[in-house]
């Protein structure tokens, strides 16, 4: 069975986009050419908040090296188990990875659910360039979560991993009864890494977004994923640092101290929450 196509909409006029040669074109003749790597850039320059938004090349490369070693495999397993549980007799789904980064989780989903249609987008062009190398069967987009270039009510599942959520946009593109899977840091996530670079470390706060959901979204369940990682060299430790927001806040001395450790046992603790889109529409 061929996967169902991902239905795109024009980020300028919001009309449907159709494929035309190596481009996507709407009825108002707005045209978006596919890059050589296969992705579409559907983030117009006048809707960017900065010239190069999102993660830079260094962070993308670090994340790729680190995740490719399988340290976060328990997260992938939990994610895929949940997505499979949403299916109707294992019928193909349309799945959206919102803020997909360099595509590690997106590609894993497509490999496990190969009949499903999968779309991944990120605001960072370097991330989508890297993602495009992982799997050519995924629709990769440069896009913003606050204005998705996607047609209404087509996705069975939206996933958001350590990324910003826009409940209104997620609700718009989800089918009634569809699900949102959100991964957020647990209170003690990467505690050993944080203790190695800060004098004082506080637990991560609970995610308040899930305590104040709009009426058309309901929290079904939450679970905590625990896993202990043994990082055996300085490269892995520094790559983990570069994956996190802490990368932007540590100074040269703190980075040097961390790099000199050479070995770090670190706990992964993530909160996986499942939200369902109720059948009532909001616009």
C-alpha atoms as a PDB file:
ATOM      1  CA  UNK A   1       0.000   0.000   0.000  1.00  0.00           C
ATOM      2  CA  UNK A   2       1.389   3.388  -1.010  1.00  0.00           C
ATOM      3  CA  UNK A   3       1.524   5.999   1.756  1.00  0.00           C
ATOM      4  CA  UNK A   4      -1.059   8.779   1.521  1.00  0.00           C
ATOM      5  CA  UNK A   5       0.400  12.084   0.329  1.00  0.00           C
ATOM      6  CA  UNK A   6       1.003  14.899   2.800  1.00  0.00           C
ATOM      7  CA  UNK A   7      -1.336  17.770   1.902  1.00  0.00           C
ATOM      8  CA  UNK A   8       0.558  21.064   1.868  1.00  0.00           C
ATOM      9  CA  UNK A   9      -0.815  24.597   1.875  1.00  0.00           C
ATOM     10  CA  UNK A  10       0.711  27.810   0.622  1.00  0.00           C
ATOM     11  CA  UNK A  11       2.323  29.852   3.414  1.00  0.00           C
ATOM     12  CA  UNK A  12       1.413  33.059   1.540  1.00  0.00           C
ATOM     13  CA  UNK A  13      -2.280  32.674   0.659  1.00  0.00           C
ATOM     14  CA  UNK A  14      -3.176  29.398   2.463  1.00  0.00           C
ATOM     15  CA  UNK A  15      -4.480  27.693  -0.686  1.00  0.00           C
ATOM     16  CA  UNK A  16      -3.582  24.065  -1.372  1.00  0.00           C
ATOM     17  CA  UNK A  17      -0.188  23.362  -2.920  1.00  0.00           C
ATOM     18  CA  UNK A  18       0.130  20.847  -5.742  1.00  0.00           C
ATOM     19  CA  UNK A  19       3.259  19.174  -7.060  1.00  0.00           C
ATOM     20  CA  UNK A  20       4.512  20.454 -10.385  1.00  0.00           C
ATOM     21  CA  UNK A  21       7.815  19.018 -11.604  1.00  0.00           C
ATOM     22  CA  UNK A  22      10.217  19.727  -8.710  1.00  0.00           C
ATOM     23  CA  UNK A  23       8.111  22.507  -7.221  1.00  0.00           C
ATOM     24  CA  UNK A  24       4.997  23.065  -5.136  1.00  0.00           C
ATOM     25  CA  UNK A  25       2.541  25.561  -6.635  1.00  0.00           C
ATOM     26  CA  UNK A  26      -0.808  27.010  -5.508  1.00  0.00           C
ATOM     27  CA  UNK A  27      -3.691  28.328  -7.620  1.00  0.00           C
ATOM     28  CA  UNK A  28      -2.432  31.875  -7.068  1.00  0.00           C
ATOM     29  CA  UNK A  29       0.882  30.922  -8.685  1.00  0.00           C
ATOM     30  CA  UNK A  30       3.021  31.078  -5.557  1.00  0.00           C
ATOM     31  CA  UNK A  31       5.821  28.649  -6.295  1.00  0.00           C
ATOM     32  CA  UNK A  32       8.247  26.884  -3.960  1.00  0.00           C
ATOM     33  CA  UNK A  33      11.092  24.906  -5.511  1.00  0.00           C
ATOM     34  CA  UNK A  34      12.384  21.740  -3.909  1.00  0.00           C
ATOM     35  CA  UNK A  35      15.994  21.874  -2.832  1.00  0.00           C
ATOM     36  CA  UNK A  36      18.428  19.445  -4.389  1.00  0.00           C
ATOM     37  CA  UNK A  37      18.222  17.389  -1.178  1.00  0.00           C
ATOM     38  CA  UNK A  38      14.441  17.020  -1.599  1.00  0.00           C
ATOM     39  CA  UNK A  39      13.015  19.301   1.102  1.00  0.00           C
ATOM     40  CA  UNK A  40      10.724  22.309   0.648  1.00  0.00           C
ATOM     41  CA  UNK A  41      11.363  25.663   2.299  1.00  0.00           C
ATOM     42  CA  UNK A  42       7.883  26.933   3.237  1.00  0.00           C
ATOM     43  CA  UNK A  43       9.055  29.637   5.637  1.00  0.00           C
ATOM     44  CA  UNK A  44       8.931  32.970   3.788  1.00  0.00           C
ATOM     45  CA  UNK A  45      11.690  35.387   4.759  1.00  0.00           C
ATOM     46  CA  UNK A  46       9.168  37.995   5.906  1.00  0.00           C
ATOM     47  CA  UNK A  47       7.865  35.537   8.531  1.00  0.00           C
ATOM     48  CA  UNK A  48      11.253  34.818  10.090  1.00  0.00           C
ATOM     49  CA  UNK A  49      12.116  36.446  13.414  1.00  0.00           C
ATOM     50  CA  UNK A  50      15.824  36.282  12.621  1.00  0.00           C
ATOM     51  CA  UNK A  51      18.002  35.641   9.587  1.00  0.00           C
ATOM     52  CA  UNK A  52      18.950  32.100  10.660  1.00  0.00           C
ATOM     53  CA  UNK A  53      16.387  30.892  13.217  1.00  0.00           C
ATOM     54  CA  UNK A  54      16.722  27.693  15.237  1.00  0.00           C
ATOM     55  CA  UNK A  55      19.719  25.453  15.900  1.00  0.00           C
ATOM     56  CA  UNK A  56      22.996  26.209  14.184  1.00  0.00           C
ATOM     57  CA  UNK A  57      25.243  23.811  12.282  1.00  0.00           C
ATOM     58  CA  UNK A  58      27.366  22.946  15.348  1.00  0.00           C
ATOM     59  CA  UNK A  59      24.324  21.890  17.381  1.00  0.00           C
ATOM     60  CA  UNK A  60      22.872  19.883  14.498  1.00  0.00           C
ATOM     61  CA  UNK A  61      26.119  17.988  13.917  1.00  0.00           C
ATOM     62  CA  UNK A  62      26.503  17.278  17.649  1.00  0.00           C
ATOM     63  CA  UNK A  63      22.938  15.969  17.891  1.00  0.00           C
ATOM     64  CA  UNK A  64      23.429  13.756  14.855  1.00  0.00           C
ATOM     65  CA  UNK A  65      26.633  12.196  16.244  1.00  0.00           C
ATOM     66  CA  UNK A  66      25.120  11.650  19.687  1.00  0.00           C
ATOM     67  CA  UNK A  67      21.731  10.256  18.693  1.00  0.00           C
ATOM     68  CA  UNK A  68      23.231   7.973  16.050  1.00  0.00           C
ATOM     69  CA  UNK A  69      24.980   6.078  18.864  1.00  0.00           C
ATOM     70  CA  UNK A  70      21.625   4.902  20.227  1.00  0.00           C
ATOM     71  CA  UNK A  71      21.749   6.566  23.651  1.00  0.00           C
ATOM     72  CA  UNK A  72      18.098   7.605  23.316  1.00  0.00           C
ATOM     73  CA  UNK A  73      16.780   4.308  21.928  1.00  0.00           C
ATOM     74  CA  UNK A  74      14.400   3.798  24.920  1.00  0.00           C
ATOM     75  CA  UNK A  75      12.749   7.093  23.972  1.00  0.00           C
ATOM     76  CA  UNK A  76      12.297   5.926  20.371  1.00  0.00           C
ATOM     77  CA  UNK A  77      10.791   2.640  21.581  1.00  0.00           C
ATOM     78  CA  UNK A  78       8.285   4.361  23.876  1.00  0.00           C
ATOM     79  CA  UNK A  79       7.339   6.843  21.184  1.00  0.00           C
ATOM     80  CA  UNK A  80       6.698   4.173  18.557  1.00  0.00           C
ATOM     81  CA  UNK A  81       4.776   1.943  20.992  1.00  0.00           C
ATOM     82  CA  UNK A  82       2.403   4.832  21.676  1.00  0.00           C
ATOM     83  CA  UNK A  83       1.927   5.706  18.008  1.00  0.00           C
ATOM     84  CA  UNK A  84       1.195   2.071  17.171  1.00  0.00           C
ATOM     85  CA  UNK A  85      -1.418   1.964  19.933  1.00  0.00           C
ATOM     86  CA  UNK A  86      -3.361   4.775  18.236  1.00  0.00           C
ATOM     87  CA  UNK A  87      -3.734   2.865  14.988  1.00  0.00           C
ATOM     88  CA  UNK A  88      -6.937   1.218  13.794  1.00  0.00           C
ATOM     89  CA  UNK A  89      -6.002  -2.368  12.967  1.00  0.00           C
ATOM     90  CA  UNK A  90      -2.559  -1.107  12.041  1.00  0.00           C
ATOM     91  CA  UNK A  91      -3.960   1.012   9.197  1.00  0.00           C
ATOM     92  CA  UNK A  92      -1.428   3.534   7.839  1.00  0.00           C
ATOM     93  CA  UNK A  93      -1.344   6.838   9.641  1.00  0.00           C
ATOM     94  CA  UNK A  94      -0.329  10.358   8.730  1.00  0.00           C
ATOM     95  CA  UNK A  95       2.245  11.468  11.301  1.00  0.00           C
ATOM     96  CA  UNK A  96       3.721  14.936  11.819  1.00  0.00           C
ATOM     97  CA  UNK A  97       6.963  15.572  13.718  1.00  0.00           C
ATOM     98  CA  UNK A  98       6.724  19.206  14.833  1.00  0.00           C
ATOM     99  CA  UNK A  99      10.196  20.618  15.390  1.00  0.00           C
ATOM    100  CA  UNK A 100      11.905  17.487  14.083  1.00  0.00           C
ATOM    101  CA  UNK A 101      15.492  18.742  14.343  1.00  0.00           C
ATOM    102  CA  UNK A 102      17.874  16.571  12.341  1.00  0.00           C
ATOM    103  CA  UNK A 103      15.243  13.876  11.930  1.00  0.00           C
ATOM    104  CA  UNK A 104      16.433  11.069  14.221  1.00  0.00           C
ATOM    105  CA  UNK A 105      13.013  10.324  15.723  1.00  0.00           C
ATOM    106  CA  UNK A 106      11.150  11.047  12.475  1.00  0.00           C
ATOM    107  CA  UNK A 107      13.253   8.549  10.540  1.00  0.00           C
ATOM    108  CA  UNK A 108      12.876   5.910  13.246  1.00  0.00           C
ATOM    109  CA  UNK A 109       9.096   6.268  13.065  1.00  0.00           C
ATOM    110  CA  UNK A 110       9.087   5.902   9.276  1.00  0.00           C
ATOM    111  CA  UNK A 111      11.316   2.819   9.467  1.00  0.00           C
ATOM    112  CA  UNK A 112       8.986   1.126  11.968  1.00  0.00           C
ATOM    113  CA  UNK A 113       5.717   2.298  10.367  1.00  0.00           C
ATOM    114  CA  UNK A 114       6.797   2.250   6.744  1.00  0.00           C
ATOM    115  CA  UNK A 115       3.256   2.301   5.291  1.00  0.00           C
ATOM    116  CA  UNK A 116       2.485   5.525   7.146  1.00  0.00           C
ATOM    117  CA  UNK A 117       2.926   9.000   5.662  1.00  0.00           C
ATOM    118  CA  UNK A 118       5.424  10.995   7.700  1.00  0.00           C
ATOM    119  CA  UNK A 119       6.215  14.708   7.608  1.00  0.00           C
ATOM    120  CA  UNK A 120       8.908  16.444   9.631  1.00  0.00           C
ATOM    121  CA  UNK A 121       9.510  20.162   9.836  1.00  0.00           C
ATOM    122  CA  UNK A 122      11.848  22.489  11.660  1.00  0.00           C
ATOM    123  CA  UNK A 123      12.516  26.207  11.599  1.00  0.00           C
ATOM    124  CA  UNK A 124      16.278  25.591  11.299  1.00  0.00           C
ATOM    125  CA  UNK A 125      17.482  25.033   7.746  1.00  0.00           C
ATOM    126  CA  UNK A 126      20.693  23.218   8.869  1.00  0.00           C
ATOM    127  CA  UNK A 127      18.507  20.722  10.738  1.00  0.00           C
ATOM    128  CA  UNK A 128      16.342  19.995   7.706  1.00  0.00           C
ATOM    129  CA  UNK A 129      19.417  19.657   5.503  1.00  0.00           C
ATOM    130  CA  UNK A 130      20.686  16.961   7.879  1.00  0.00           C
ATOM    131  CA  UNK A 131      17.254  15.332   8.122  1.00  0.00           C
ATOM    132  CA  UNK A 132      16.993  15.114   4.337  1.00  0.00           C
ATOM    133  CA  UNK A 133      19.991  12.784   4.337  1.00  0.00           C
ATOM    134  CA  UNK A 134      18.346  10.326   6.716  1.00  0.00           C
ATOM    135  CA  UNK A 135      15.270   9.213   4.798  1.00  0.00           C
ATOM    136  CA  UNK A 136      14.043  10.219   1.338  1.00  0.00           C
ATOM    137  CA  UNK A 137      10.542   8.820   1.973  1.00  0.00           C
ATOM    138  CA  UNK A 138       9.685  11.590   4.452  1.00  0.00           C
ATOM    139  CA  UNK A 139       8.264  15.000   3.498  1.00  0.00           C
ATOM    140  CA  UNK A 140      10.799  17.406   5.022  1.00  0.00           C
ATOM    141  CA  UNK A 141       9.906  21.078   5.394  1.00  0.00           C
ATOM    142  CA  UNK A 142      11.489  24.256   6.670  1.00  0.00           C
ATOM    143  CA  UNK A 143       8.515  25.768   8.489  1.00  0.00           C
ATOM    144  CA  UNK A 144       7.326  27.419  11.693  1.00  0.00           C
ATOM    145  CA  UNK A 145       5.136  25.750  14.316  1.00  0.00           C
ATOM    146  CA  UNK A 146       3.086  28.933  14.662  1.00  0.00           C
ATOM    147  CA  UNK A 147       1.857  28.784  11.045  1.00  0.00           C
ATOM    148  CA  UNK A 148       1.962  25.280   9.630  1.00  0.00           C
ATOM    149  CA  UNK A 149       2.016  25.054   5.808  1.00  0.00           C
ATOM    150  CA  UNK A 150      -0.289  22.027   6.000  1.00  0.00           C
ATOM    151  CA  UNK A 151      -3.935  21.479   5.137  1.00  0.00           C
ATOM    152  CA  UNK A 152      -6.571  20.945   7.827  1.00  0.00           C
ATOM    153  CA  UNK A 153      -7.566  17.731   9.605  1.00  0.00           C
ATOM    154  CA  UNK A 154      -5.204  15.278   7.918  1.00  0.00           C
ATOM    155  CA  UNK A 155      -2.882  13.961  10.648  1.00  0.00           C
ATOM    156  CA  UNK A 156      -3.602  11.077  12.986  1.00  0.00           C
ATOM    157  CA  UNK A 157      -0.653  11.909  15.253  1.00  0.00           C
ATOM    158  CA  UNK A 158       1.490  14.962  15.952  1.00  0.00           C
ATOM    159  CA  UNK A 159       4.666  14.542  17.989  1.00  0.00           C
ATOM    160  CA  UNK A 160       6.591  17.324  19.705  1.00  0.00           C
ATOM    161  CA  UNK A 161       9.926  16.461  21.307  1.00  0.00           C
ATOM    162  CA  UNK A 162      11.424  19.232  23.440  1.00  0.00           C
ATOM    163  CA  UNK A 163       9.864  21.699  21.001  1.00  0.00           C
ATOM    164  CA  UNK A 164       7.386  24.532  21.169  1.00  0.00           C
ATOM    165  CA  UNK A 165       3.719  23.566  20.924  1.00  0.00           C
ATOM    166  CA  UNK A 166       1.048  25.607  19.216  1.00  0.00           C
ATOM    167  CA  UNK A 167      -2.216  24.052  20.371  1.00  0.00           C
ATOM    168  CA  UNK A 168      -4.315  25.971  17.842  1.00  0.00           C
ATOM    169  CA  UNK A 169      -2.229  24.854  14.860  1.00  0.00           C
ATOM    170  CA  UNK A 170      -1.918  21.277  16.127  1.00  0.00           C
ATOM    171  CA  UNK A 171      -5.711  21.145  16.520  1.00  0.00           C
ATOM    172  CA  UNK A 172      -6.222  22.513  13.013  1.00  0.00           C
ATOM    173  CA  UNK A 173      -4.108  19.876  11.252  1.00  0.00           C
ATOM    174  CA  UNK A 174      -5.219  16.923  13.418  1.00  0.00           C
ATOM    175  CA  UNK A 175      -8.144  14.718  12.535  1.00  0.00           C
ATOM    176  CA  UNK A 176     -10.900  14.705  15.158  1.00  0.00           C
ATOM    177  CA  UNK A 177      -9.865  12.115  17.726  1.00  0.00           C
ATOM    178  CA  UNK A 178      -6.202  12.391  16.722  1.00  0.00           C
ATOM    179  CA  UNK A 179      -3.350  12.439  19.227  1.00  0.00           C
ATOM    180  CA  UNK A 180      -0.454  14.671  20.218  1.00  0.00           C
ATOM    181  CA  UNK A 181       2.561  13.013  21.846  1.00  0.00           C
ATOM    182  CA  UNK A 182       4.727  15.431  23.811  1.00  0.00           C
ATOM    183  CA  UNK A 183       8.155  14.690  25.265  1.00  0.00           C
ATOM    184  CA  UNK A 184       9.452  17.054  27.930  1.00  0.00           C
ATOM    185  CA  UNK A 185      12.358  16.823  30.399  1.00  0.00           C
ATOM    186  CA  UNK A 186      11.676  15.090  33.710  1.00  0.00           C
ATOM    187  CA  UNK A 187      12.765  16.827  36.896  1.00  0.00           C
ATOM    188  CA  UNK A 188      16.116  15.015  37.009  1.00  0.00           C
ATOM    189  CA  UNK A 189      16.843  14.854  33.285  1.00  0.00           C
ATOM    190  CA  UNK A 190      20.621  14.943  32.632  1.00  0.00           C
ATOM    191  CA  UNK A 191      21.249  15.803  36.277  1.00  0.00           C
ATOM    192  CA  UNK A 192      24.870  14.571  36.203  1.00  0.00           C
ATOM    193  CA  UNK A 193      25.636  16.808  33.220  1.00  0.00           C
ATOM    194  CA  UNK A 194      24.092  19.819  34.918  1.00  0.00           C
ATOM    195  CA  UNK A 195      25.947  19.155  38.170  1.00  0.00           C
ATOM    196  CA  UNK A 196      29.197  19.006  36.243  1.00  0.00           C
ATOM    197  CA  UNK A 197      28.782  22.542  34.904  1.00  0.00           C
ATOM    198  CA  UNK A 198      26.741  24.446  37.512  1.00  0.00           C
ATOM    199  CA  UNK A 199      27.406  25.198  41.166  1.00  0.00           C
ATOM    200  CA  UNK A 200      23.709  24.977  41.979  1.00  0.00           C
ATOM    201  CA  UNK A 201      21.250  22.729  40.157  1.00  0.00           C
ATOM    202  CA  UNK A 202      17.484  22.764  40.496  1.00  0.00           C
ATOM    203  CA  UNK A 203      15.061  20.137  39.199  1.00  0.00           C
ATOM    204  CA  UNK A 204      13.314  20.994  35.968  1.00  0.00           C
ATOM    205  CA  UNK A 205       9.827  22.393  36.672  1.00  0.00           C
ATOM    206  CA  UNK A 206       6.688  20.558  35.636  1.00  0.00           C
ATOM    207  CA  UNK A 207       5.397  21.458  32.178  1.00  0.00           C
ATOM    208  CA  UNK A 208       2.593  23.953  32.840  1.00  0.00           C
ATOM    209  CA  UNK A 209       1.370  23.822  29.238  1.00  0.00           C
ATOM    210  CA  UNK A 210      -0.333  20.520  29.973  1.00  0.00           C
ATOM    211  CA  UNK A 211      -2.154  21.964  32.972  1.00  0.00           C
ATOM    212  CA  UNK A 212      -3.917  24.595  30.889  1.00  0.00           C
ATOM    213  CA  UNK A 213      -4.967  22.882  27.672  1.00  0.00           C
ATOM    214  CA  UNK A 214      -7.683  24.417  25.486  1.00  0.00           C
ATOM    215  CA  UNK A 215     -11.138  22.852  25.693  1.00  0.00           C
ATOM    216  CA  UNK A 216     -10.739  20.816  22.522  1.00  0.00           C
ATOM    217  CA  UNK A 217      -7.663  18.974  23.862  1.00  0.00           C
ATOM    218  CA  UNK A 218      -7.612  16.463  26.714  1.00  0.00           C
ATOM    219  CA  UNK A 219      -4.638  14.927  28.522  1.00  0.00           C
ATOM    220  CA  UNK A 220      -5.075  11.151  28.411  1.00  0.00           C
ATOM    221  CA  UNK A 221      -1.954   9.887  30.163  1.00  0.00           C
ATOM    222  CA  UNK A 222       1.641  10.580  31.109  1.00  0.00           C
ATOM    223  CA  UNK A 223       4.546   8.255  31.740  1.00  0.00           C
ATOM    224  CA  UNK A 224       8.163   8.742  32.711  1.00  0.00           C
ATOM    225  CA  UNK A 225      10.996   7.226  30.684  1.00  0.00           C
ATOM    226  CA  UNK A 226      14.133   6.433  32.719  1.00  0.00           C
ATOM    227  CA  UNK A 227      17.434   5.287  31.264  1.00  0.00           C
ATOM    228  CA  UNK A 228      21.035   5.467  32.463  1.00  0.00           C
ATOM    229  CA  UNK A 229      23.629   6.349  29.863  1.00  0.00           C
ATOM    230  CA  UNK A 230      27.368   5.777  30.133  1.00  0.00           C
ATOM    231  CA  UNK A 231      29.274   8.295  28.038  1.00  0.00           C
ATOM    232  CA  UNK A 232      32.747   6.879  27.541  1.00  0.00           C
ATOM    233  CA  UNK A 233      34.579   9.796  25.934  1.00  0.00           C
ATOM    234  CA  UNK A 234      34.821  13.556  25.843  1.00  0.00           C
ATOM    235  CA  UNK A 235      33.268  13.777  22.365  1.00  0.00           C
ATOM    236  CA  UNK A 236      30.027  12.146  23.521  1.00  0.00           C
ATOM    237  CA  UNK A 237      29.890  14.375  26.611  1.00  0.00           C
ATOM    238  CA  UNK A 238      30.413  17.559  24.626  1.00  0.00           C
ATOM    239  CA  UNK A 239      27.925  16.454  21.975  1.00  0.00           C
ATOM    240  CA  UNK A 240      25.311  15.926  24.688  1.00  0.00           C
ATOM    241  CA  UNK A 241      26.016  19.403  26.014  1.00  0.00           C
ATOM    242  CA  UNK A 242      25.624  20.898  22.526  1.00  0.00           C
ATOM    243  CA  UNK A 243      22.184  19.240  22.238  1.00  0.00           C
ATOM    244  CA  UNK A 244      20.882  21.154  25.235  1.00  0.00           C
ATOM    245  CA  UNK A 245      20.077  24.819  25.984  1.00  0.00           C
ATOM    246  CA  UNK A 246      22.920  24.720  28.543  1.00  0.00           C
ATOM    247  CA  UNK A 247      25.318  24.952  25.602  1.00  0.00           C
ATOM    248  CA  UNK A 248      24.455  28.643  25.285  1.00  0.00           C
ATOM    249  CA  UNK A 249      24.982  29.472  28.968  1.00  0.00           C
ATOM    250  CA  UNK A 250      28.210  27.752  30.009  1.00  0.00           C
ATOM    251  CA  UNK A 251      31.493  29.629  29.796  1.00  0.00           C
ATOM    252  CA  UNK A 252      34.832  28.413  28.430  1.00  0.00           C
ATOM    253  CA  UNK A 253      36.067  27.305  31.867  1.00  0.00           C
ATOM    254  CA  UNK A 254      32.953  25.209  32.492  1.00  0.00           C
ATOM    255  CA  UNK A 255      33.233  23.588  29.062  1.00  0.00           C
ATOM    256  CA  UNK A 256      36.879  22.761  29.681  1.00  0.00           C
ATOM    257  CA  UNK A 257      36.093  21.185  33.055  1.00  0.00           C
ATOM    258  CA  UNK A 258      33.367  19.063  31.490  1.00  0.00           C
ATOM    259  CA  UNK A 259      35.558  17.970  28.599  1.00  0.00           C
ATOM    260  CA  UNK A 260      38.358  16.912  30.961  1.00  0.00           C
ATOM    261  CA  UNK A 261      36.064  14.446  32.742  1.00  0.00           C
ATOM    262  CA  UNK A 262      36.307  12.070  29.797  1.00  0.00           C
ATOM    263  CA  UNK A 263      33.584   9.793  31.206  1.00  0.00           C
ATOM    264  CA  UNK A 264      30.105  10.541  32.526  1.00  0.00           C
ATOM    265  CA  UNK A 265      27.263   8.386  33.808  1.00  0.00           C
ATOM    266  CA  UNK A 266      24.101  10.346  33.179  1.00  0.00           C
ATOM    267  CA  UNK A 267      20.390   9.688  33.695  1.00  0.00           C
ATOM    268  CA  UNK A 268      17.883  10.287  30.947  1.00  0.00           C
ATOM    269  CA  UNK A 269      14.483  11.182  32.393  1.00  0.00           C
ATOM    270  CA  UNK A 270      11.714  12.255  30.029  1.00  0.00           C
ATOM    271  CA  UNK A 271       8.007  12.743  30.488  1.00  0.00           C
ATOM    272  CA  UNK A 272       5.879  11.340  27.656  1.00  0.00           C
ATOM    273  CA  UNK A 273       2.356  12.772  27.602  1.00  0.00           C
ATOM    274  CA  UNK A 274      -0.515  11.875  25.288  1.00  0.00           C
ATOM    275  CA  UNK A 275      -3.128  14.489  24.437  1.00  0.00           C
ATOM    276  CA  UNK A 276      -6.242  13.763  22.371  1.00  0.00           C
ATOM    277  CA  UNK A 277      -8.044  16.131  20.036  1.00  0.00           C
ATOM    278  CA  UNK A 278     -11.727  16.064  20.884  1.00  0.00           C
ATOM    279  CA  UNK A 279     -14.371  16.092  18.181  1.00  0.00           C
ATOM    280  CA  UNK A 280     -15.468  19.664  18.855  1.00  0.00           C
ATOM    281  CA  UNK A 281     -13.964  22.130  16.367  1.00  0.00           C
ATOM    282  CA  UNK A 282     -12.453  25.467  17.307  1.00  0.00           C
ATOM    283  CA  UNK A 283     -11.347  28.052  14.825  1.00  0.00           C
END
